[in-house]
Amino acid sequence: MKGHIQQRGDKTWRLKFDVGRHPGTGKRTTNFVTFHGTKREAQVELARLIVAAKSGHIVDANKITVASYLHSWIEIAEAMSVSPKTGERYRQLIEHQIIPHLGALALQSLRPNHIATWHATLLREGRCDGAGLCGRTVGHAHRVLHKALADAVSRELLLRNPASVVRPPKVESGELAILSPSEVTTVLAAIRETDIWPHIVFSLSTGVRRGELMALQWGDIDLENGKVRIERAIEATKSKGLRLKAPKTRHGRRLIALPPICVEALREHRKTQLETRLKLGIGKLLPDHSVFGDVEGSPRHPDWLSYHWNHHVKALDLPRVTLHALRHSHASALIASGQDVVTVSRRLGHASPTITLSVYAHLFDNTDEAAASAIEAVLKPTENKS
């Protein structure tokens, strides 16, 4: 069997190879595959495909189902691009929301109407108990399918992406759950004697993500100058367990100024850790020891903090908000104080101010009256001075 490689772009190759004669017409059949990598890797892949074709292991593209393609796609995505946590979430959506409804269809038979009907089914009865899913979850499932089908187009398994034609359901923009200033005071007073006091003070003071908080090491914190550098996040998956990784975006690595209340809480927390370690005879704290980890300095599972937060919210009759709402509360306080969107975005570690605006636009709207007053001061004629 013959094969040929043609370069299509930077590290993109079109692999062409024979797969034998069609049993009905007797004509030679040729397959085309798009490959991403070096030329040497493309040559190796072409050789593998030719061997597979000779042994009869090449599957006719017309016979590939949505389910079989998605299983193959997620394996490749996990090996080459997505993080373990993202891959785990993709698999959940694929197995529970996509395959049960679209999996039996031939990949090349998938049409926009199938996807529109799928949306309606999920919204009506997509949950395991027969209730409907919210539009946000359906949108997540749609984006996974769209991404997978886009790769199918690039590999020339599809001519077009049917998920591009149908928009995901509209998500109603509700108010973010945040703590008001008076509620923040109530929360801090209620948890002052609990084991998560320093965690919550730090969260409200910095707006860091839960994974960033639980990945902090003492070497990241400069108590003298009241600064913390966010260098990493912790990720938990069923298959990989706990692992440290880079922050969510390239802007996630950032230097954050700490307010005095946070510095004082960290000093107190560090003193408590040192005293405990001395009693146990395990030595001083090292720069790579976890700030919010166990007594040995190892990081804790992020769910540990969520569990204790939810427990105290119920036990102390605190406002029923999630741990992530503390991040939103921090952003709300910054915006209410008149901080510009770029400053807020950098402190939160967003990829761009556009993301900050998409999440917190309604909070910036609250500053509209102040903006009108400011422009009034510019436009109002200067009074004559005597």
Protein backbone atom coordinates (compact mmCIF):
# COMPACT_ATOMS: atom_id res chain seq x y z
CA MET A 1 0.00 0.00 0.00
CA LYS A 2 1.17 3.51 -0.83
CA GLY A 3 1.17 6.67 1.22
CA HIS A 4 2.04 10.33 0.83
CA ILE A 5 2.64 13.32 3.14
CA GLN A 6 1.73 16.88 2.17
CA GLN A 7 2.47 19.88 4.39
CA ARG A 8 -0.61 22.03 5.05
CA GLY A 9 0.71 24.54 7.58
CA ASP A 10 3.18 25.00 10.40
CA LYS A 11 3.51 21.48 11.83
CA THR A 12 0.29 20.41 10.06
CA TRP A 13 0.36 17.56 7.56
CA ARG A 14 -2.11 15.81 5.27
CA LEU A 15 -1.56 12.05 5.26
CA LYS A 16 -2.82 10.23 2.19
CA PHE A 17 -2.81 6.42 2.01
CA ASP A 18 -4.56 3.52 0.25
CA VAL A 19 -6.86 1.27 2.25
CA GLY A 20 -7.42 -1.38 -0.45
CA ARG A 21 -10.18 -1.93 -2.97
CA HIS A 22 -13.86 -1.35 -2.31
CA PRO A 23 -15.56 -4.75 -2.08
CA GLY A 24 -18.50 -3.60 -4.22
CA THR A 25 -16.92 -1.51 -6.97
CA GLY A 26 -13.39 -2.88 -6.95
CA LYS A 27 -12.03 0.67 -7.02
CA ARG A 28 -9.10 1.68 -4.86
CA THR A 29 -10.10 3.61 -1.73
CA THR A 30 -7.94 6.42 -0.38
CA ASN A 31 -8.08 7.90 3.12
CA PHE A 32 -6.97 11.38 4.12
CA VAL A 33 -5.95 12.29 7.67
CA THR A 34 -4.80 15.64 9.07
CA PHE A 35 -1.91 15.30 11.51
CA HIS A 36 -0.39 17.88 13.86
CA GLY A 37 3.27 17.50 14.80
CA THR A 38 6.74 17.35 13.29
CA LYS A 39 7.44 15.84 9.88
CA ARG A 40 9.16 12.89 11.53
CA GLU A 41 6.10 12.27 13.71
CA ALA A 42 3.88 12.54 10.64
CA GLN A 43 5.99 9.92 8.85
CA VAL A 44 5.68 7.58 11.82
CA GLU A 45 1.91 8.09 11.94
CA LEU A 46 1.59 7.44 8.19
CA ALA A 47 3.54 4.20 8.56
CA ARG A 48 1.26 3.18 11.42
CA LEU A 49 -1.86 3.91 9.37
CA ILE A 50 -0.57 1.92 6.40
CA VAL A 51 0.15 -1.07 8.63
CA ALA A 52 -3.31 -0.74 10.21
CA ALA A 53 -4.91 -0.59 6.76
CA LYS A 54 -3.09 -3.75 5.67
CA SER A 55 -4.29 -5.59 8.78
CA GLY A 56 -7.88 -4.39 8.31
CA HIS A 57 -7.94 -2.23 11.42
CA ILE A 58 -8.81 1.05 9.69
CA VAL A 59 -12.42 1.99 10.38
CA ASP A 60 -14.49 3.42 7.54
CA ALA A 61 -15.24 7.04 8.42
CA ASN A 62 -18.87 6.49 7.40
CA LYS A 63 -19.25 3.90 10.19
CA ILE A 64 -17.84 6.00 13.04
CA THR A 65 -20.54 6.83 15.60
CA VAL A 66 -20.65 9.96 17.72
CA ALA A 67 -19.97 7.81 20.80
CA SER A 68 -16.91 6.06 19.37
CA TYR A 69 -15.51 9.33 18.05
CA LEU A 70 -15.97 11.12 21.38
CA HIS A 71 -14.26 8.28 23.26
CA SER A 72 -11.31 8.51 20.89
CA TRP A 73 -11.30 12.31 20.99
CA ILE A 74 -11.18 12.62 24.78
CA GLU A 75 -8.32 10.10 24.98
CA ILE A 76 -6.28 12.23 22.58
CA ALA A 77 -7.30 15.51 24.29
CA GLU A 78 -6.24 14.23 27.72
CA ALA A 79 -2.91 13.02 26.35
CA MET A 80 -2.04 16.17 24.41
CA SER A 81 -3.85 19.29 25.61
CA VAL A 82 -6.37 19.42 28.45
CA SER A 83 -5.54 19.20 32.15
CA PRO A 84 -6.64 16.15 34.16
CA LYS A 85 -9.37 18.17 35.91
CA THR A 86 -10.72 19.53 32.63
CA GLY A 87 -10.54 16.07 31.08
CA GLU A 88 -12.49 14.65 34.00
CA ARG A 89 -15.22 17.26 33.53
CA TYR A 90 -15.30 16.66 29.76
CA ARG A 91 -15.76 12.93 30.37
CA GLN A 92 -18.66 13.57 32.73
CA LEU A 93 -20.44 15.70 30.16
CA ILE A 94 -19.69 13.23 27.35
CA GLU A 95 -20.90 10.16 29.25
CA HIS A 96 -23.93 11.70 30.97
CA GLN A 97 -25.16 14.46 28.66
CA ILE A 98 -23.99 13.77 25.11
CA ILE A 99 -23.64 10.04 24.40
CA PRO A 100 -27.01 8.95 25.88
CA HIS A 101 -28.78 11.24 23.39
CA LEU A 102 -26.49 11.48 20.34
CA GLY A 103 -24.02 8.61 20.74
CA ALA A 104 -25.75 6.10 18.46
CA LEU A 105 -25.82 8.47 15.47
CA ALA A 106 -23.23 8.13 12.75
CA LEU A 107 -20.77 11.01 13.11
CA GLN A 108 -21.19 12.03 9.46
CA SER A 109 -24.98 11.95 9.81
CA LEU A 110 -25.05 14.43 12.69
CA ARG A 111 -27.06 17.51 11.69
CA PRO A 112 -27.93 20.85 13.35
CA ASN A 113 -31.50 19.61 13.93
CA HIS A 114 -30.16 16.73 16.04
CA ILE A 115 -28.29 19.21 18.21
CA ALA A 116 -31.27 21.55 18.60
CA THR A 117 -33.44 18.60 19.66
CA TRP A 118 -30.72 17.48 22.06
CA HIS A 119 -30.70 20.92 23.71
CA ALA A 120 -34.46 20.78 24.19
CA THR A 121 -34.27 17.28 25.70
CA LEU A 122 -31.58 18.26 28.19
CA LEU A 123 -33.51 21.36 29.26
CA ARG A 124 -36.64 19.27 29.73
CA GLU A 125 -35.32 16.04 31.27
CA GLY A 126 -31.53 16.01 31.24
CA ARG A 127 -30.91 15.13 34.89
CA CYS A 128 -30.69 11.56 36.14
CA ASP A 129 -33.86 12.11 38.20
CA GLY A 130 -35.79 13.20 35.11
CA ALA A 131 -35.72 16.92 35.87
CA GLY A 132 -34.36 19.45 33.41
CA LEU A 133 -30.85 20.83 33.36
CA CYS A 134 -30.14 24.53 33.66
CA GLY A 135 -29.09 26.43 30.55
CA ARG A 136 -25.57 26.92 31.88
CA THR A 137 -24.94 23.15 32.13
CA VAL A 138 -26.41 22.55 28.68
CA GLY A 139 -24.10 25.26 27.40
CA HIS A 140 -21.09 23.48 28.94
CA ALA A 141 -22.09 20.22 27.21
CA HIS A 142 -22.61 22.07 23.92
CA ARG A 143 -19.15 23.61 24.06
CA VAL A 144 -17.52 20.22 24.65
CA LEU A 145 -19.36 18.76 21.65
CA HIS A 146 -18.50 21.81 19.55
CA LYS A 147 -14.81 21.48 20.42
CA ALA A 148 -14.80 17.76 19.62
CA LEU A 149 -16.57 18.27 16.29
CA ALA A 150 -14.20 21.11 15.36
CA ASP A 151 -11.35 18.63 15.73
CA ALA A 152 -13.29 16.16 13.56
CA VAL A 153 -13.44 18.81 10.84
CA SER A 154 -9.70 19.44 11.10
CA ARG A 155 -9.09 15.69 10.76
CA GLU A 156 -11.36 15.65 7.68
CA LEU A 157 -13.89 13.31 9.28
CA LEU A 158 -16.55 16.01 8.82
CA LEU A 159 -17.01 18.70 6.20
CA ARG A 160 -18.51 21.18 8.67
CA ASN A 161 -19.26 21.48 12.34
CA PRO A 162 -23.03 21.14 12.92
CA ALA A 163 -22.65 22.52 16.45
CA SER A 164 -21.52 25.85 14.94
CA VAL A 165 -24.95 26.39 13.42
CA VAL A 166 -26.98 25.95 16.62
CA ARG A 167 -26.44 28.28 19.55
CA PRO A 168 -26.50 26.90 23.09
CA PRO A 169 -29.47 27.89 25.29
CA LYS A 170 -29.45 31.41 26.63
CA VAL A 171 -28.34 31.67 30.23
CA GLU A 172 -30.30 34.11 32.30
CA SER A 173 -27.85 36.54 33.89
CA GLY A 174 -28.68 36.49 37.57
CA GLU A 175 -27.06 38.46 40.34
CA LEU A 176 -23.87 36.93 41.68
CA ALA A 177 -24.05 35.64 45.21
CA ILE A 178 -21.90 38.02 47.26
CA LEU A 179 -21.60 39.13 50.86
CA SER A 180 -22.52 42.70 51.69
CA PRO A 181 -20.12 44.68 53.92
CA SER A 182 -22.33 44.04 56.95
CA GLU A 183 -22.48 40.32 56.13
CA VAL A 184 -18.68 40.19 55.82
CA THR A 185 -18.44 41.65 59.33
CA THR A 186 -20.94 39.07 60.59
CA VAL A 187 -19.05 36.18 58.96
CA LEU A 188 -15.64 37.24 60.29
CA ALA A 189 -16.98 37.69 63.82
CA ALA A 190 -18.72 34.28 63.76
CA ILE A 191 -15.74 32.26 62.52
CA ARG A 192 -13.06 34.06 64.56
CA GLU A 193 -12.47 31.03 66.79
CA THR A 194 -12.81 28.35 64.09
CA ASP A 195 -10.05 26.49 62.24
CA ILE A 196 -10.82 28.22 58.93
CA TRP A 197 -10.48 31.81 60.21
CA PRO A 198 -7.19 32.53 58.36
CA HIS A 199 -8.47 30.86 55.18
CA ILE A 200 -11.59 33.02 55.02
CA VAL A 201 -9.75 36.25 55.91
CA PHE A 202 -7.23 35.51 53.14
CA SER A 203 -9.99 34.69 50.62
CA LEU A 204 -11.92 37.89 51.32
CA SER A 205 -8.68 39.94 51.34
CA THR A 206 -7.29 38.70 48.03
CA GLY A 207 -10.09 37.12 45.97
CA VAL A 208 -7.88 34.14 45.09
CA ARG A 209 -9.40 30.95 43.72
CA ARG A 210 -9.78 27.99 46.05
CA GLY A 211 -7.07 26.01 44.25
CA GLU A 212 -4.66 28.94 44.48
CA LEU A 213 -5.38 29.36 48.19
CA MET A 214 -4.73 25.72 49.04
CA ALA A 215 -1.51 25.68 46.96
CA LEU A 216 0.11 28.61 48.80
CA GLN A 217 3.51 28.02 50.34
CA TRP A 218 5.16 30.10 53.04
CA GLY A 219 7.87 31.12 50.58
CA ASP A 220 5.19 32.90 48.53
CA ILE A 221 4.31 35.29 51.35
CA ASP A 222 6.23 38.41 52.41
CA LEU A 223 4.71 39.34 55.75
CA GLU A 224 7.10 42.25 56.30
CA ASN A 225 5.95 44.05 53.15
CA GLY A 226 2.41 42.67 53.09
CA LYS A 227 2.64 40.91 49.71
CA VAL A 228 1.77 37.48 48.37
CA ARG A 229 2.83 36.00 45.05
CA ILE A 230 0.43 33.57 43.40
CA GLU A 231 2.60 31.02 41.61
CA ARG A 232 0.54 27.84 41.41
CA ALA A 233 -2.80 26.15 42.01
CA ILE A 234 -3.72 22.74 43.34
CA GLU A 235 -5.89 20.40 41.31
CA ALA A 236 -7.71 17.30 42.51
CA THR A 237 -8.91 14.51 40.23
CA LYS A 238 -10.09 10.98 40.90
CA SER A 239 -7.48 9.45 38.61
CA LYS A 240 -4.44 11.62 39.43
CA GLY A 241 -5.14 12.68 43.02
CA LEU A 242 -3.63 16.02 44.10
CA ARG A 243 -1.16 17.83 41.88
CA LEU A 244 0.30 21.32 41.69
CA LYS A 245 -0.05 23.15 38.39
CA ALA A 246 0.34 26.61 36.92
CA PRO A 247 -2.47 29.11 37.62
CA LYS A 248 -5.59 29.03 35.43
CA THR A 249 -4.34 31.75 33.05
CA ARG A 250 -0.94 33.25 32.23
CA HIS A 251 -2.07 36.32 34.14
CA GLY A 252 -2.72 34.06 37.12
CA ARG A 253 0.88 34.53 38.28
CA ARG A 254 0.54 37.81 40.11
CA LEU A 255 1.67 39.85 43.10
CA ILE A 256 -1.11 40.89 45.47
CA ALA A 257 -0.91 43.46 48.28
CA LEU A 258 -2.37 42.25 51.59
CA PRO A 259 -4.43 44.43 53.94
CA PRO A 260 -3.24 44.63 57.57
CA ILE A 261 -6.03 42.36 58.86
CA CYS A 262 -4.84 39.61 56.51
CA VAL A 263 -1.18 40.05 57.49
CA GLU A 264 -2.13 39.81 61.16
CA ALA A 265 -4.22 36.67 60.54
CA LEU A 266 -1.30 35.04 58.69
CA ARG A 267 1.16 35.93 61.49
CA GLU A 268 -1.18 34.36 64.03
CA HIS A 269 -1.70 31.31 61.82
CA ARG A 270 2.04 30.85 61.30
CA LYS A 271 2.68 31.14 65.05
CA THR A 272 0.06 28.44 65.73
CA GLN A 273 1.63 26.14 63.14
CA LEU A 274 5.11 26.62 64.62
CA GLU A 275 3.91 25.91 68.14
CA THR A 276 2.18 22.72 67.00
CA ARG A 277 5.25 21.53 65.10
CA LEU A 278 7.53 22.20 68.07
CA LYS A 279 5.25 20.19 70.37
CA LEU A 280 5.39 17.31 67.91
CA GLY A 281 9.13 17.66 67.43
CA ILE A 282 8.99 18.01 63.65
CA GLY A 283 11.03 21.19 63.27
CA LYS A 284 10.52 24.65 61.84
CA LEU A 285 8.45 25.67 58.84
CA LEU A 286 10.24 25.64 55.47
CA PRO A 287 9.53 27.91 52.49
CA ASP A 288 7.93 25.06 50.51
CA HIS A 289 5.59 24.05 53.35
CA SER A 290 1.91 24.62 52.67
CA VAL A 291 0.38 27.70 54.32
CA PHE A 292 -3.02 26.05 54.71
CA GLY A 293 -1.91 22.41 54.70
CA ASP A 294 -1.62 19.72 57.34
CA VAL A 295 0.75 19.73 60.31
CA GLU A 296 3.54 18.17 58.23
CA GLY A 297 3.35 21.00 55.67
CA SER A 298 1.70 19.02 52.90
CA PRO A 299 -1.21 20.60 50.99
CA ARG A 300 -4.75 19.59 51.84
CA HIS A 301 -7.46 18.57 49.39
CA PRO A 302 -9.41 21.69 48.26
CA ASP A 303 -12.65 19.96 49.25
CA TRP A 304 -11.46 20.07 52.87
CA LEU A 305 -11.96 23.82 52.92
CA SER A 306 -15.32 23.67 51.11
CA TYR A 307 -16.58 21.07 53.54
CA HIS A 308 -15.59 23.09 56.62
CA TRP A 309 -16.95 26.33 55.14
CA ASN A 310 -20.34 24.72 54.41
CA HIS A 311 -20.38 23.17 57.88
CA HIS A 312 -19.79 26.51 59.60
CA VAL A 313 -22.29 28.31 57.37
CA LYS A 314 -24.99 25.92 58.62
CA ALA A 315 -23.82 25.62 62.23
CA LEU A 316 -23.36 29.37 62.77
CA ASP A 317 -26.41 30.40 60.73
CA LEU A 318 -24.33 32.47 58.31
CA PRO A 319 -25.46 33.77 54.90
CA ARG A 320 -25.94 30.77 52.61
CA VAL A 321 -23.27 31.45 50.00
CA THR A 322 -20.63 29.17 48.51
CA LEU A 323 -16.93 29.44 49.19
CA HIS A 324 -16.45 30.85 45.68
CA ALA A 325 -18.78 33.72 46.62
CA LEU A 326 -15.94 35.09 48.76
CA ARG A 327 -14.00 35.75 45.53
CA HIS A 328 -17.03 37.58 44.11
CA SER A 329 -17.39 39.52 47.37
CA HIS A 330 -13.77 40.67 47.08
CA ALA A 331 -14.35 41.85 43.51
CA SER A 332 -17.54 43.62 44.54
CA ALA A 333 -15.72 45.51 47.28
CA LEU A 334 -13.01 46.63 44.84
CA ILE A 335 -15.56 47.86 42.31
CA ALA A 336 -17.63 49.64 44.97
CA SER A 337 -14.49 51.48 46.09
CA GLY A 338 -14.04 52.87 42.58
CA GLN A 339 -11.23 50.61 41.34
CA ASP A 340 -11.01 50.44 37.54
CA VAL A 341 -11.64 47.22 35.62
CA VAL A 342 -7.96 46.67 34.76
CA THR A 343 -6.94 46.81 38.41
CA VAL A 344 -9.72 44.42 39.40
CA SER A 345 -8.84 42.05 36.56
CA ARG A 346 -5.15 41.92 37.50
CA ARG A 347 -5.89 41.30 41.17
CA LEU A 348 -8.28 38.45 40.33
CA GLY A 349 -5.88 36.92 37.80
CA HIS A 350 -8.32 37.05 34.89
CA ALA A 351 -6.98 36.46 31.39
CA SER A 352 -8.22 39.90 30.33
CA PRO A 353 -10.41 42.78 31.58
CA THR A 354 -13.06 41.59 29.13
CA ILE A 355 -13.64 38.53 31.29
CA THR A 356 -13.91 40.72 34.38
CA LEU A 357 -16.54 42.87 32.67
CA SER A 358 -18.50 39.83 31.49
CA VAL A 359 -18.76 38.58 35.08
CA TYR A 360 -19.10 41.83 37.03
CA ALA A 361 -20.61 44.27 34.51
CA HIS A 362 -23.73 44.79 36.64
CA LEU A 363 -21.55 45.88 39.57
CA PHE A 364 -19.75 48.45 37.46
CA ASP A 365 -23.19 49.74 36.43
CA ASN A 366 -23.68 50.77 40.05
CA THR A 367 -21.02 53.43 39.55
CA ASP A 368 -23.01 55.14 36.78
CA GLU A 369 -24.23 58.01 38.97
CA ALA A 370 -20.67 58.73 40.07
CA ALA A 371 -19.65 58.75 36.39
CA ALA A 372 -22.41 61.27 35.62
CA SER A 373 -21.22 63.51 38.45
CA ALA A 374 -17.67 63.30 37.17
CA ILE A 375 -18.58 64.34 33.62
CA GLU A 376 -20.79 67.12 35.04
CA ALA A 377 -17.73 68.59 36.72
CA VAL A 378 -15.96 68.63 33.36
CA LEU A 379 -18.82 70.08 31.31
CA LYS A 380 -20.17 72.62 33.79
CA PRO A 381 -19.01 76.15 32.88
CA THR A 382 -16.56 77.64 35.34
CA GLU A 383 -18.21 80.35 37.44
CA ASN A 384 -16.82 83.85 37.11
CA LYS A 385 -14.55 84.75 39.92
CA SER A 386 -14.78 88.20 41.42
